[in-house]
C-alpha atoms as a PDB file:
ATOM      1  CA  MET A   1      61.549  45.302  -0.450  1.00  0.00           C
ATOM      2  CA  SER A   2      61.684  42.603   2.185  1.00  0.00           C
ATOM      3  CA  SER A   3      58.449  43.846   3.758  1.00  0.00           C
ATOM      4  CA  PHE A   4      56.768  43.804   0.328  1.00  0.00           C
ATOM      5  CA  TRP A   5      57.586  40.133  -0.209  1.00  0.00           C
ATOM      6  CA  LYS A   6      56.408  39.322   3.297  1.00  0.00           C
ATOM      7  CA  ARG A   7      53.080  41.010   2.614  1.00  0.00           C
ATOM      8  CA  SER A   8      52.809  39.285  -0.766  1.00  0.00           C
ATOM      9  CA  ARG A   9      53.559  35.914   0.807  1.00  0.00           C
ATOM     10  CA  LYS A  10      50.944  36.459   3.504  1.00  0.00           C
ATOM     11  CA  THR A  11      48.441  37.384   0.798  1.00  0.00           C
ATOM     12  CA  ASP A  12      49.247  34.219  -1.173  1.00  0.00           C
ATOM     13  CA  ILE A  13      48.895  32.065   1.941  1.00  0.00           C
ATOM     14  CA  SER A  14      45.572  33.695   2.848  1.00  0.00           C
ATOM     15  CA  PHE A  15      44.290  33.223  -0.707  1.00  0.00           C
ATOM     16  CA  PHE A  16      45.420  29.582  -0.621  1.00  0.00           C
ATOM     17  CA  PHE A  17      43.500  28.880   2.582  1.00  0.00           C
ATOM     18  CA  TYR A  18      40.505  30.739   1.170  1.00  0.00           C
ATOM     19  CA  LEU A  19      40.502  28.486  -1.903  1.00  0.00           C
ATOM     20  CA  LEU A  20      41.043  25.436   0.282  1.00  0.00           C
ATOM     21  CA  GLY A  21      38.115  26.363   2.517  1.00  0.00           C
ATOM     22  CA  LEU A  22      35.893  27.088  -0.469  1.00  0.00           C
ATOM     23  CA  SER A  23      36.824  23.752  -2.035  1.00  0.00           C
ATOM     24  CA  LEU A  24      36.055  21.864   1.162  1.00  0.00           C
ATOM     25  CA  PHE A  25      32.726  23.672   1.463  1.00  0.00           C
ATOM     26  CA  LEU A  26      31.776  22.746  -2.107  1.00  0.00           C
ATOM     27  CA  ILE A  27      32.817  19.126  -1.534  1.00  0.00           C
ATOM     28  CA  VAL A  28      30.675  18.915   1.605  1.00  0.00           C
ATOM     29  CA  CYS A  29      27.696  20.454  -0.212  1.00  0.00           C
ATOM     30  CA  LEU A  30      28.091  17.995  -3.082  1.00  0.00           C
ATOM     31  CA  ALA A  31      28.298  15.067  -0.666  1.00  0.00           C
ATOM     32  CA  VAL A  32      25.151  16.223   1.155  1.00  0.00           C
ATOM     33  CA  CYS A  33      23.251  16.529  -2.128  1.00  0.00           C
ATOM     34  CA  VAL A  34      24.322  13.060  -3.262  1.00  0.00           C
ATOM     35  CA  LEU A  35      23.388  11.571   0.112  1.00  0.00           C
ATOM     36  CA  HIS A  36      20.012  13.357   0.086  1.00  0.00           C
ATOM     37  CA  ASN A  37      19.195  12.101  -3.411  1.00  0.00           C
ATOM     38  CA  SER A  38      20.261   8.611  -2.473  1.00  0.00           C
ATOM     39  CA  ASN A  39      18.093   8.637   0.647  1.00  0.00           C
ATOM     40  CA  SER A  40      15.158  10.086  -1.287  1.00  0.00           C
ATOM     41  CA  GLU A  41      15.421   7.379  -3.940  1.00  0.00           C
ATOM     42  CA  ARG A  42      15.696   4.712  -1.247  1.00  0.00           C
ATOM     43  CA  ALA A  43      12.681   6.104   0.620  1.00  0.00           C
ATOM     44  CA  GLU A  44      10.687   6.257  -2.606  1.00  0.00           C
ATOM     45  CA  LYS A  45      11.526   2.648  -3.392  1.00  0.00           C
ATOM     46  CA  GLN A  46      10.555   1.586   0.128  1.00  0.00           C
ATOM     47  CA  LEU A  47       7.265   3.461  -0.101  1.00  0.00           C
ATOM     48  CA  LYS A  48       6.503   1.899  -3.470  1.00  0.00           C
ATOM     49  CA  SER A  49       7.352  -1.529  -2.103  1.00  0.00           C
ATOM     50  CA  ARG A  50       4.849  -0.933   0.710  1.00  0.00           C
ATOM     51  CA  GLY A  51       2.163   0.263  -1.648  1.00  0.00           C
ATOM     52  CA  PRO A  52      -0.626  -1.938  -2.956  1.00  0.00           C
ATOM     53  CA  GLN A  53       0.682  -5.047  -4.683  1.00  0.00           C
ATOM     54  CA  THR A  54      -1.006  -6.920  -7.493  1.00  0.00           C
ATOM     55  CA  GLY A  55      -4.307  -8.286  -6.234  1.00  0.00           C
ATOM     56  CA  THR A  56      -4.839  -5.717  -3.481  1.00  0.00           C
ATOM     57  CA  MET A  57      -7.990  -3.608  -3.296  1.00  0.00           C
ATOM     58  CA  TRP A  58      -8.947  -0.052  -2.411  1.00  0.00           C
ATOM     59  CA  ASP A  59     -11.981   0.808  -0.304  1.00  0.00           C
ATOM     60  CA  LYS A  60     -15.034   1.126  -2.592  1.00  0.00           C
ATOM     61  CA  THR A  61     -17.598   1.939   0.091  1.00  0.00           C
ATOM     62  CA  LEU A  62     -18.314   5.479  -1.103  1.00  0.00           C
ATOM     63  CA  GLN A  63     -18.380   4.378  -4.731  1.00  0.00           C
ATOM     64  CA  TYR A  64     -21.106   1.819  -3.915  1.00  0.00           C
ATOM     65  CA  PHE A  65     -23.449   4.434  -2.463  1.00  0.00           C
ATOM     66  CA  ARG A  66     -22.709   6.986  -5.194  1.00  0.00           C
ATOM     67  CA  SER A  67     -23.543   4.404  -7.864  1.00  0.00           C
ATOM     68  CA  ARG A  68     -26.989   4.031  -6.268  1.00  0.00           C
ATOM     69  CA  SER A  69     -27.512   7.791  -5.968  1.00  0.00           C
ATOM     70  CA  LEU A  70     -27.518   7.428  -2.187  1.00  0.00           C
ATOM     71  CA  LEU A  71     -24.519   9.715  -1.797  1.00  0.00           C
ATOM     72  CA  THR A  72     -23.039  12.648  -3.688  1.00  0.00           C
ATOM     73  CA  GLY A  73     -19.397  13.650  -3.783  1.00  0.00           C
ATOM     74  CA  SER A  74     -16.524  11.905  -2.058  1.00  0.00           C
ATOM     75  CA  ASP A  75     -16.649  13.290   1.486  1.00  0.00           C
ATOM     76  CA  ALA A  76     -16.882  10.311   3.840  1.00  0.00           C
ATOM     77  CA  VAL A  77     -18.394  12.511   6.558  1.00  0.00           C
ATOM     78  CA  GLN A  78     -21.663  12.320   4.581  1.00  0.00           C
ATOM     79  CA  LEU A  79     -21.886   8.605   5.254  1.00  0.00           C
ATOM     80  CA  LYS A  80     -24.526   7.992   7.939  1.00  0.00           C
ATOM     81  CA  TRP A  81     -24.180   5.186  10.466  1.00  0.00           C
ATOM     82  CA  SER A  82     -26.539   3.175  12.623  1.00  0.00           C
ATOM     83  CA  HIS A  83     -24.530   2.060  15.627  1.00  0.00           C
ATOM     84  CA  ALA A  84     -24.980  -0.987  17.917  1.00  0.00           C
ATOM     85  CA  VAL A  85     -27.856  -2.461  15.900  1.00  0.00           C
ATOM     86  CA  ASN A  86     -28.125  -5.474  18.183  1.00  0.00           C
ATOM     87  CA  SER A  87     -31.882  -6.050  18.510  1.00  0.00           C
ATOM     88  CA  ARG A  88     -34.902  -6.598  16.282  1.00  0.00           C
ATOM     89  CA  ASN A  89     -36.239  -3.155  17.080  1.00  0.00           C
ATOM     90  CA  ALA A  90     -32.905  -1.422  16.423  1.00  0.00           C
ATOM     91  CA  LEU A  91     -32.550  -3.288  13.129  1.00  0.00           C
ATOM     92  CA  ALA A  92     -36.050  -2.328  11.974  1.00  0.00           C
ATOM     93  CA  GLN A  93     -35.285   1.328  12.690  1.00  0.00           C
ATOM     94  CA  ALA A  94     -31.918   1.157  10.928  1.00  0.00           C
ATOM     95  CA  LEU A  95     -33.342  -0.498   7.813  1.00  0.00           C
ATOM     96  CA  SER A  96     -36.108   2.079   7.478  1.00  0.00           C
ATOM     97  CA  GLY A  97     -33.906   5.046   8.348  1.00  0.00           C
ATOM     98  CA  PRO A  98     -31.440   7.171   6.351  1.00  0.00           C
ATOM     99  CA  SER A  99     -28.263   5.369   7.438  1.00  0.00           C
ATOM    100  CA  HIS A 100     -25.918   4.008   4.809  1.00  0.00           C
ATOM    101  CA  MET A 101     -23.963   1.663   7.093  1.00  0.00           C
ATOM    102  CA  ILE A 102     -25.301  -0.617   9.836  1.00  0.00           C
ATOM    103  CA  GLU A 103     -22.860  -1.556  12.593  1.00  0.00           C
ATOM    104  CA  ALA A 104     -23.581  -4.427  14.974  1.00  0.00           C
ATOM    105  CA  ASP A 105     -21.708  -6.545  17.506  1.00  0.00           C
ATOM    106  CA  VAL A 106     -21.382 -10.316  17.229  1.00  0.00           C
ATOM    107  CA  ILE A 107     -20.768 -12.742  20.092  1.00  0.00           C
ATOM    108  CA  MET A 108     -21.506 -16.412  20.702  1.00  0.00           C
ATOM    109  CA  ARG A 109     -24.582 -17.090  22.802  1.00  0.00           C
ATOM    110  CA  ALA A 110     -23.506 -18.161  26.273  1.00  0.00           C
ATOM    111  CA  HIS A 111     -25.961 -21.089  26.420  1.00  0.00           C
ATOM    112  CA  ASP A 112     -27.606 -23.558  24.062  1.00  0.00           C
ATOM    113  CA  PRO A 113     -28.223 -23.204  21.233  1.00  0.00           C
ATOM    114  CA  MET A 114     -24.655 -21.957  20.841  1.00  0.00           C
ATOM    115  CA  GLU A 115     -24.706 -19.702  17.776  1.00  0.00           C
ATOM    116  CA  PRO A 116     -23.656 -16.178  16.770  1.00  0.00           C
ATOM    117  CA  ILE A 117     -25.998 -13.525  18.147  1.00  0.00           C
ATOM    118  CA  MET A 118     -26.124  -9.745  18.042  1.00  0.00           C
ATOM    119  CA  ALA A 119     -25.009  -8.404  21.430  1.00  0.00           C
ATOM    120  CA  HIS A 120     -22.294  -6.340  23.073  1.00  0.00           C
ATOM    121  CA  PRO A 121     -20.626  -7.518  26.285  1.00  0.00           C
ATOM    122  CA  PRO A 122     -21.580  -7.668  29.113  1.00  0.00           C
ATOM    123  CA  ASP A 123     -24.811  -8.871  27.428  1.00  0.00           C
ATOM    124  CA  THR A 124     -24.759 -12.612  26.771  1.00  0.00           C
ATOM    125  CA  ASP A 125     -28.041 -13.059  24.891  1.00  0.00           C
ATOM    126  CA  SER A 126     -30.151 -11.271  22.284  1.00  0.00           C
ATOM    127  CA  ASP A 127     -33.562 -11.384  20.659  1.00  0.00           C
ATOM    128  CA  ILE A 128     -31.949 -11.804  17.233  1.00  0.00           C
ATOM    129  CA  THR A 129     -29.318 -14.165  15.868  1.00  0.00           C
ATOM    130  CA  LEU A 130     -26.765 -13.219  13.240  1.00  0.00           C
ATOM    131  CA  LYS A 131     -28.505 -15.534  10.757  1.00  0.00           C
ATOM    132  CA  GLU A 132     -31.830 -13.738  11.259  1.00  0.00           C
ATOM    133  CA  TRP A 133     -30.094 -10.355  11.175  1.00  0.00           C
ATOM    134  CA  LEU A 134     -28.410 -11.088   7.844  1.00  0.00           C
ATOM    135  CA  GLU A 135     -31.629 -12.389   6.271  1.00  0.00           C
ATOM    136  CA  LYS A 136     -33.287  -9.040   6.938  1.00  0.00           C
ATOM    137  CA  VAL A 137     -30.301  -6.922   5.900  1.00  0.00           C
ATOM    138  CA  LYS A 138     -29.684  -8.669   2.579  1.00  0.00           C
ATOM    139  CA  MET A 139     -33.105  -7.489   1.348  1.00  0.00           C
ATOM    140  CA  ASN A 140     -31.879  -3.911   1.701  1.00  0.00           C
ATOM    141  CA  SER A 141     -29.012  -1.933   0.159  1.00  0.00           C
ATOM    142  CA  LYS A 142     -27.311  -0.984   3.427  1.00  0.00           C
ATOM    143  CA  GLY A 143     -23.625  -1.558   4.018  1.00  0.00           C
ATOM    144  CA  ILE A 144     -22.624  -3.818   6.907  1.00  0.00           C
ATOM    145  CA  LYS A 145     -20.020  -3.636   9.648  1.00  0.00           C
ATOM    146  CA  LEU A 146     -19.729  -6.645  11.963  1.00  0.00           C
ATOM    147  CA  ASP A 147     -17.756  -6.067  15.150  1.00  0.00           C
ATOM    148  CA  PHE A 148     -16.317  -9.225  16.690  1.00  0.00           C
ATOM    149  CA  LYS A 149     -15.533  -9.169  20.399  1.00  0.00           C
ATOM    150  CA  SER A 150     -13.989 -12.646  20.495  1.00  0.00           C
ATOM    151  CA  LEU A 151     -12.474 -15.188  18.141  1.00  0.00           C
ATOM    152  CA  GLU A 152     -15.002 -17.922  18.861  1.00  0.00           C
ATOM    153  CA  ALA A 153     -17.750 -16.070  16.984  1.00  0.00           C
ATOM    154  CA  VAL A 154     -15.741 -15.372  13.815  1.00  0.00           C
ATOM    155  CA  SER A 155     -15.658 -18.730  12.040  1.00  0.00           C
ATOM    156  CA  PRO A 156     -19.358 -19.659  12.481  1.00  0.00           C
ATOM    157  CA  SER A 157     -20.300 -16.103  11.485  1.00  0.00           C
ATOM    158  CA  LEU A 158     -18.294 -16.135   8.267  1.00  0.00           C
ATOM    159  CA  ALA A 159     -20.074 -19.342   7.278  1.00  0.00           C
ATOM    160  CA  LEU A 160     -23.347 -17.376   7.321  1.00  0.00           C
ATOM    161  CA  LEU A 161     -22.078 -14.647   4.982  1.00  0.00           C
ATOM    162  CA  GLU A 162     -22.225 -16.700   1.784  1.00  0.00           C
ATOM    163  CA  ASP A 163     -25.232 -14.888   0.292  1.00  0.00           C
ATOM    164  CA  LEU A 164     -23.819 -11.459   1.093  1.00  0.00           C
ATOM    165  CA  LEU A 165     -20.435 -12.352  -0.345  1.00  0.00           C
ATOM    166  CA  ALA A 166     -22.223 -13.153  -3.601  1.00  0.00           C
ATOM    167  CA  GLU A 167     -22.889  -9.395  -3.830  1.00  0.00           C
ATOM    168  CA  PRO A 168     -19.354  -8.186  -4.575  1.00  0.00           C
ATOM    169  CA  ASP A 169     -20.261  -4.493  -4.478  1.00  0.00           C
ATOM    170  CA  ARG A 170     -22.072  -4.328  -1.127  1.00  0.00           C
ATOM    171  CA  PRO A 171     -19.788  -2.862   1.567  1.00  0.00           C
ATOM    172  CA  LEU A 172     -18.850  -5.493   4.138  1.00  0.00           C
ATOM    173  CA  TRP A 173     -16.573  -4.452   6.983  1.00  0.00           C
ATOM    174  CA  ILE A 174     -15.186  -6.963   9.470  1.00  0.00           C
ATOM    175  CA  ASN A 175     -13.954  -5.378  12.705  1.00  0.00           C
ATOM    176  CA  ALA A 176     -11.898  -6.539  15.671  1.00  0.00           C
ATOM    177  CA  ASP A 177      -9.650  -4.790  18.176  1.00  0.00           C
ATOM    178  CA  VAL A 178      -6.359  -6.582  17.600  1.00  0.00           C
ATOM    179  CA  LEU A 179      -3.877  -4.466  19.596  1.00  0.00           C
ATOM    180  CA  SER A 180      -3.798  -2.789  22.992  1.00  0.00           C
ATOM    181  CA  GLY A 181      -4.196   0.980  22.729  1.00  0.00           C
ATOM    182  CA  PRO A 182      -4.341   4.005  25.037  1.00  0.00           C
ATOM    183  CA  ASN A 183      -5.734   2.950  28.425  1.00  0.00           C
ATOM    184  CA  GLY A 184      -6.907  -0.315  26.867  1.00  0.00           C
ATOM    185  CA  ARG A 185      -7.922  -2.656  29.677  1.00  0.00           C
ATOM    186  CA  THR A 186      -9.619  -5.466  27.783  1.00  0.00           C
ATOM    187  CA  ALA A 187      -7.553  -8.104  26.024  1.00  0.00           C
ATOM    188  CA  PRO A 188      -7.376  -7.614  22.242  1.00  0.00           C
ATOM    189  CA  VAL A 189      -8.399 -10.328  19.809  1.00  0.00           C
ATOM    190  CA  ASP A 190      -5.364 -12.345  18.748  1.00  0.00           C
ATOM    191  CA  PHE A 191      -4.320 -10.788  15.440  1.00  0.00           C
ATOM    192  CA  GLN A 192      -2.746 -13.814  13.779  1.00  0.00           C
ATOM    193  CA  ALA A 193      -5.660 -16.062  14.672  1.00  0.00           C
ATOM    194  CA  PHE A 194      -8.143 -13.440  13.460  1.00  0.00           C
ATOM    195  CA  LEU A 195      -6.219 -12.943  10.229  1.00  0.00           C
ATOM    196  CA  SER A 196      -6.124 -16.682   9.536  1.00  0.00           C
ATOM    197  CA  LEU A 197      -9.930 -16.703   9.696  1.00  0.00           C
ATOM    198  CA  VAL A 198     -10.665 -13.600   7.596  1.00  0.00           C
ATOM    199  CA  SER A 199      -7.818 -13.696   5.062  1.00  0.00           C
ATOM    200  CA  GLY A 200      -9.899 -15.845   2.719  1.00  0.00           C
ATOM    201  CA  LEU A 201     -12.637 -13.226   2.415  1.00  0.00           C
ATOM    202  CA  PRO A 202     -12.967 -11.495  -0.977  1.00  0.00           C
ATOM    203  CA  ALA A 203     -10.356  -8.801  -1.522  1.00  0.00           C
ATOM    204  CA  GLN A 204     -12.955  -6.008  -1.518  1.00  0.00           C
ATOM    205  CA  THR A 205     -13.933  -6.802   2.100  1.00  0.00           C
ATOM    206  CA  VAL A 206     -12.779  -4.001   4.397  1.00  0.00           C
ATOM    207  CA  LEU A 207     -10.812  -5.171   7.418  1.00  0.00           C
ATOM    208  CA  SER A 208     -11.367  -2.806  10.330  1.00  0.00           C
ATOM    209  CA  LEU A 209      -8.410  -3.281  12.684  1.00  0.00           C
ATOM    210  CA  GLY A 210      -8.489  -1.370  15.936  1.00  0.00           C
ATOM    211  CA  TRP A 211      -6.958  -0.915  19.347  1.00  0.00           C
ATOM    212  CA  THR A 212      -8.572  -1.569  22.709  1.00  0.00           C
ATOM    213  CA  THR A 213      -8.877   1.841  24.365  1.00  0.00           C
ATOM    214  CA  GLY A 214     -10.189   3.553  27.467  1.00  0.00           C
ATOM    215  CA  TRP A 215     -11.132   7.112  28.315  1.00  0.00           C
ATOM    216  CA  THR A 216     -11.727   8.675  31.719  1.00  0.00           C
ATOM    217  CA  VAL A 217     -13.366  12.047  32.236  1.00  0.00           C
ATOM    218  CA  GLY A 218     -11.335  14.631  34.133  1.00  0.00           C
ATOM    219  CA  THR A 219      -7.945  12.978  33.585  1.00  0.00           C
ATOM    220  CA  ASN A 220      -5.102  13.338  31.099  1.00  0.00           C
ATOM    221  CA  ASN A 221      -5.903  10.603  28.608  1.00  0.00           C
ATOM    222  CA  PRO A 222      -2.925   9.680  26.388  1.00  0.00           C
ATOM    223  CA  GLY A 223      -3.214   9.479  22.620  1.00  0.00           C
ATOM    224  CA  TYR A 224      -2.034   6.773  20.227  1.00  0.00           C
ATOM    225  CA  SER A 225       1.724   6.316  20.635  1.00  0.00           C
ATOM    226  CA  TRP A 226       4.338   5.781  17.939  1.00  0.00           C
ATOM    227  CA  ASP A 227       4.822   2.195  19.101  1.00  0.00           C
ATOM    228  CA  MET A 228       1.099   1.568  18.657  1.00  0.00           C
ATOM    229  CA  VAL A 229       0.879   2.879  15.096  1.00  0.00           C
ATOM    230  CA  HIS A 230       4.154   1.242  14.058  1.00  0.00           C
ATOM    231  CA  ALA A 231       2.926  -2.126  15.345  1.00  0.00           C
ATOM    232  CA  MET A 232      -0.395  -1.721  13.531  1.00  0.00           C
ATOM    233  CA  GLU A 233       1.240  -0.755  10.243  1.00  0.00           C
ATOM    234  CA  GLU A 234       3.641  -3.681  10.450  1.00  0.00           C
ATOM    235  CA  LYS A 235       0.707  -6.069  10.810  1.00  0.00           C
ATOM    236  CA  SER A 236      -1.340  -4.421   8.045  1.00  0.00           C
ATOM    237  CA  ARG A 237       1.158  -3.664   5.292  1.00  0.00           C
ATOM    238  CA  ASP A 238       1.033  -7.058   3.552  1.00  0.00           C
ATOM    239  CA  LEU A 239      -2.738  -7.524   3.629  1.00  0.00           C
ATOM    240  CA  LYS A 240      -4.519  -7.622   0.270  1.00  0.00           C
ATOM    241  CA  HIS A 241      -7.689  -6.024   1.658  1.00  0.00           C
ATOM    242  CA  PRO A 242      -8.474  -2.353   2.191  1.00  0.00           C
ATOM    243  CA  VAL A 243      -7.907  -1.562   5.864  1.00  0.00           C
ATOM    244  CA  THR A 244      -9.613   1.026   8.042  1.00  0.00           C
ATOM    245  CA  PHE A 245      -8.333   1.871  11.506  1.00  0.00           C
ATOM    246  CA  PRO A 246     -11.091   2.761  14.002  1.00  0.00           C
ATOM    247  CA  VAL A 247      -9.801   5.575  16.219  1.00  0.00           C
ATOM    248  CA  ARG A 248     -11.376   7.183  19.268  1.00  0.00           C
ATOM    249  CA  ALA A 249     -12.353  10.807  18.642  1.00  0.00           C
ATOM    250  CA  ALA A 250     -11.430  11.993  22.148  1.00  0.00           C
ATOM    251  CA  LEU A 251      -7.824  10.841  21.580  1.00  0.00           C
ATOM    252  CA  LEU A 252      -7.232  12.391  18.156  1.00  0.00           C
ATOM    253  CA  ALA A 253      -6.072  15.838  19.256  1.00  0.00           C
ATOM    254  CA  LEU A 254      -3.018  14.189  20.855  1.00  0.00           C
ATOM    255  CA  SER A 255      -2.345  11.766  17.998  1.00  0.00           C
ATOM    256  CA  PHE A 256      -2.150  13.787  14.776  1.00  0.00           C
ATOM    257  CA  SER A 257       1.511  13.069  13.959  1.00  0.00           C
ATOM    258  CA  GLN A 258       1.152   9.346  14.612  1.00  0.00           C
ATOM    259  CA  LEU A 259      -2.097   8.817  12.717  1.00  0.00           C
ATOM    260  CA  SER A 260      -0.972  11.054   9.845  1.00  0.00           C
ATOM    261  CA  TRP A 261       2.091   8.877   9.437  1.00  0.00           C
ATOM    262  CA  LEU A 262      -0.070   5.750   9.501  1.00  0.00           C
ATOM    263  CA  LEU A 263      -2.387   7.019   6.754  1.00  0.00           C
ATOM    264  CA  GLN A 264       0.571   7.951   4.571  1.00  0.00           C
ATOM    265  CA  GLN A 265       1.925   4.413   4.477  1.00  0.00           C
ATOM    266  CA  SER A 266      -0.633   3.078   1.987  1.00  0.00           C
ATOM    267  CA  ASP A 267      -3.488   4.259  -0.206  1.00  0.00           C
ATOM    268  CA  ARG A 268      -5.428   1.234   1.095  1.00  0.00           C
ATOM    269  CA  TYR A 269      -5.620   2.755   4.579  1.00  0.00           C
ATOM    270  CA  THR A 270      -8.441   4.875   5.978  1.00  0.00           C
ATOM    271  CA  LEU A 271      -9.492   6.007   9.453  1.00  0.00           C
ATOM    272  CA  THR A 272     -12.909   5.551  11.037  1.00  0.00           C
ATOM    273  CA  VAL A 273     -13.518   8.024  13.859  1.00  0.00           C
ATOM    274  CA  TRP A 274     -15.845   6.824  16.630  1.00  0.00           C
ATOM    275  CA  THR A 275     -16.777   8.013  20.098  1.00  0.00           C
ATOM    276  CA  GLY A 276     -17.733   6.429  23.395  1.00  0.00           C
ATOM    277  CA  GLN A 277     -21.048   7.252  25.019  1.00  0.00           C
ATOM    278  CA  HIS A 278     -19.487   9.415  27.730  1.00  0.00           C
ATOM    279  CA  ASP A 279     -16.439  10.709  25.826  1.00  0.00           C
ATOM    280  CA  GLU A 280     -15.812  14.429  25.595  1.00  0.00           C
ATOM    281  CA  PHE A 281     -14.250  16.026  22.527  1.00  0.00           C
ATOM    282  CA  ALA A 282     -14.754  19.058  20.335  1.00  0.00           C
ATOM    283  CA  PRO A 283     -15.384  18.616  16.595  1.00  0.00           C
ATOM    284  CA  GLN A 284     -12.770  21.364  16.247  1.00  0.00           C
ATOM    285  CA  ASP A 285     -10.219  18.714  17.326  1.00  0.00           C
ATOM    286  CA  LEU A 286     -10.856  16.926  14.030  1.00  0.00           C
ATOM    287  CA  LYS A 287     -10.468  19.971  11.787  1.00  0.00           C
ATOM    288  CA  LEU A 288      -6.748  19.419  11.222  1.00  0.00           C
ATOM    289  CA  TYR A 289      -7.415  15.888   9.973  1.00  0.00           C
ATOM    290  CA  ARG A 290     -10.010  17.145   7.498  1.00  0.00           C
ATOM    291  CA  LYS A 291      -7.659  19.855   6.236  1.00  0.00           C
ATOM    292  CA  SER A 292      -4.672  17.537   5.890  1.00  0.00           C
ATOM    293  CA  PHE A 293      -6.146  14.505   4.105  1.00  0.00           C
ATOM    294  CA  ASP A 294      -8.476  13.736   1.264  1.00  0.00           C
ATOM    295  CA  VAL A 295     -11.965  13.768   2.781  1.00  0.00           C
ATOM    296  CA  SER A 296     -12.658  10.326   1.317  1.00  0.00           C
ATOM    297  CA  ARG A 297     -10.072   8.735   3.625  1.00  0.00           C
ATOM    298  CA  ILE A 298     -11.643   9.460   7.014  1.00  0.00           C
ATOM    299  CA  TYR A 299     -15.035   8.052   8.021  1.00  0.00           C
ATOM    300  CA  TYR A 300     -16.991   9.426  10.978  1.00  0.00           C
ATOM    301  CA  ASP A 301     -19.147   7.024  12.979  1.00  0.00           C
ATOM    302  CA  LEU A 302     -20.411   9.882  15.156  1.00  0.00           C
ATOM    303  CA  PRO A 303     -23.758  11.359  16.223  1.00  0.00           C
ATOM    304  CA  ASN A 304     -25.447  13.296  13.415  1.00  0.00           C
ATOM    305  CA  SER A 305     -25.091  16.603  15.266  1.00  0.00           C
ATOM    306  CA  GLN A 306     -21.308  16.240  15.320  1.00  0.00           C
ATOM    307  CA  THR A 307     -20.961  15.183  11.686  1.00  0.00           C
ATOM    308  CA  ALA A 308     -23.158  18.146  10.712  1.00  0.00           C
ATOM    309  CA  GLU A 309     -20.763  20.452  12.540  1.00  0.00           C
ATOM    310  CA  LEU A 310     -17.831  18.911  10.670  1.00  0.00           C
ATOM    311  CA  LEU A 311     -19.566  19.578   7.352  1.00  0.00           C
ATOM    312  CA  VAL A 312     -20.073  23.224   8.301  1.00  0.00           C
ATOM    313  CA  MET A 313     -16.354  23.530   9.102  1.00  0.00           C
ATOM    314  CA  SER A 314     -15.362  22.215   5.666  1.00  0.00           C
END
C-alpha cells in the first residue's frame, strides 16, 4: 500500500511539473507573438513615416516618353542614353539619334568669360556653353541630365534653366556625387550646400545623388558598404523630389543587400546603373536586381550592347 501511494505521489508530481512546463512554454510563445506584432506595427509605422509626404513626387521619366509614344511598357532598361554630350558635335549626334536622355557634364570655365560650360575634368574649356547647349536641347523632346562636378557651377547653371522648367513634364535630372564611396579618391560635392541650391527646383525634378567611386582592374574592389547606404538614405529621406542613386555596375555584385535595402526605404527612390570606360562586369551580375525589383525602378546608363543583353535575360 505504501509503495502504491509513493508511485501515485511521484505521478502527481511529474504531472504537476509537466503542466507547469507546458504553461511556461505557452506564456513564452504568447509573449513572443505579442512582441513580434508590436515590432511589426512599429516597423510599419516607421516605414510609413519615411514614405512620401504630402507634396513629394515620384519619378515620371518613363511616363513622359510613353505619353509621346517614344517608349512602350515600363522597363527602364529600354531607355536609351547619350553619355558625356560635352561638345557641339556630340550634341548634334545625340539630338538626331535614338537616345531618350542626354547626359552632360557642367563646370565653370577656368578663364574669362567665366560661365558654365560643357566639359568633364580634367578638361577646363569647351566649344559649347551650357546656355548654347540648352538652347539647342529645348527645341527637341529629349530628357536632360546635368552632372555637376563642383558647387561653383550650380547656381549660375540653374539660372539658365528657366525655359526648361516651364516645361513641367520634360525629364530634368540634376546630378552630383555628394558622398565618398568605394575607392572614391575625389572629394564629393558638399551635400548641404548642394541641397540649398537645388531644393527650390520644381518637385518633379529628379535629384541624382551619388558616391565618388574608383575601380581598379585586377584587384578586389569593394562594394557599397552599409555605412554608405545608411548615410545616403539619411540625407535623402526628407527630400520632396524623386531621387535616383547612380551606382557603378562593376560594384553591384558585391552590394545587393545594401542597395536592396536602400531601394526599399521609399517609393521615390530608383537606381541608375552606370559603368566606367575601363570597368569590367558581366550583365549577369545585374540579373538578381532585375528579378528582385520592379523593372521601372532601375535605369541603365550602359552601352547598347549590354542593355540589349539585359533585355534578353528578362
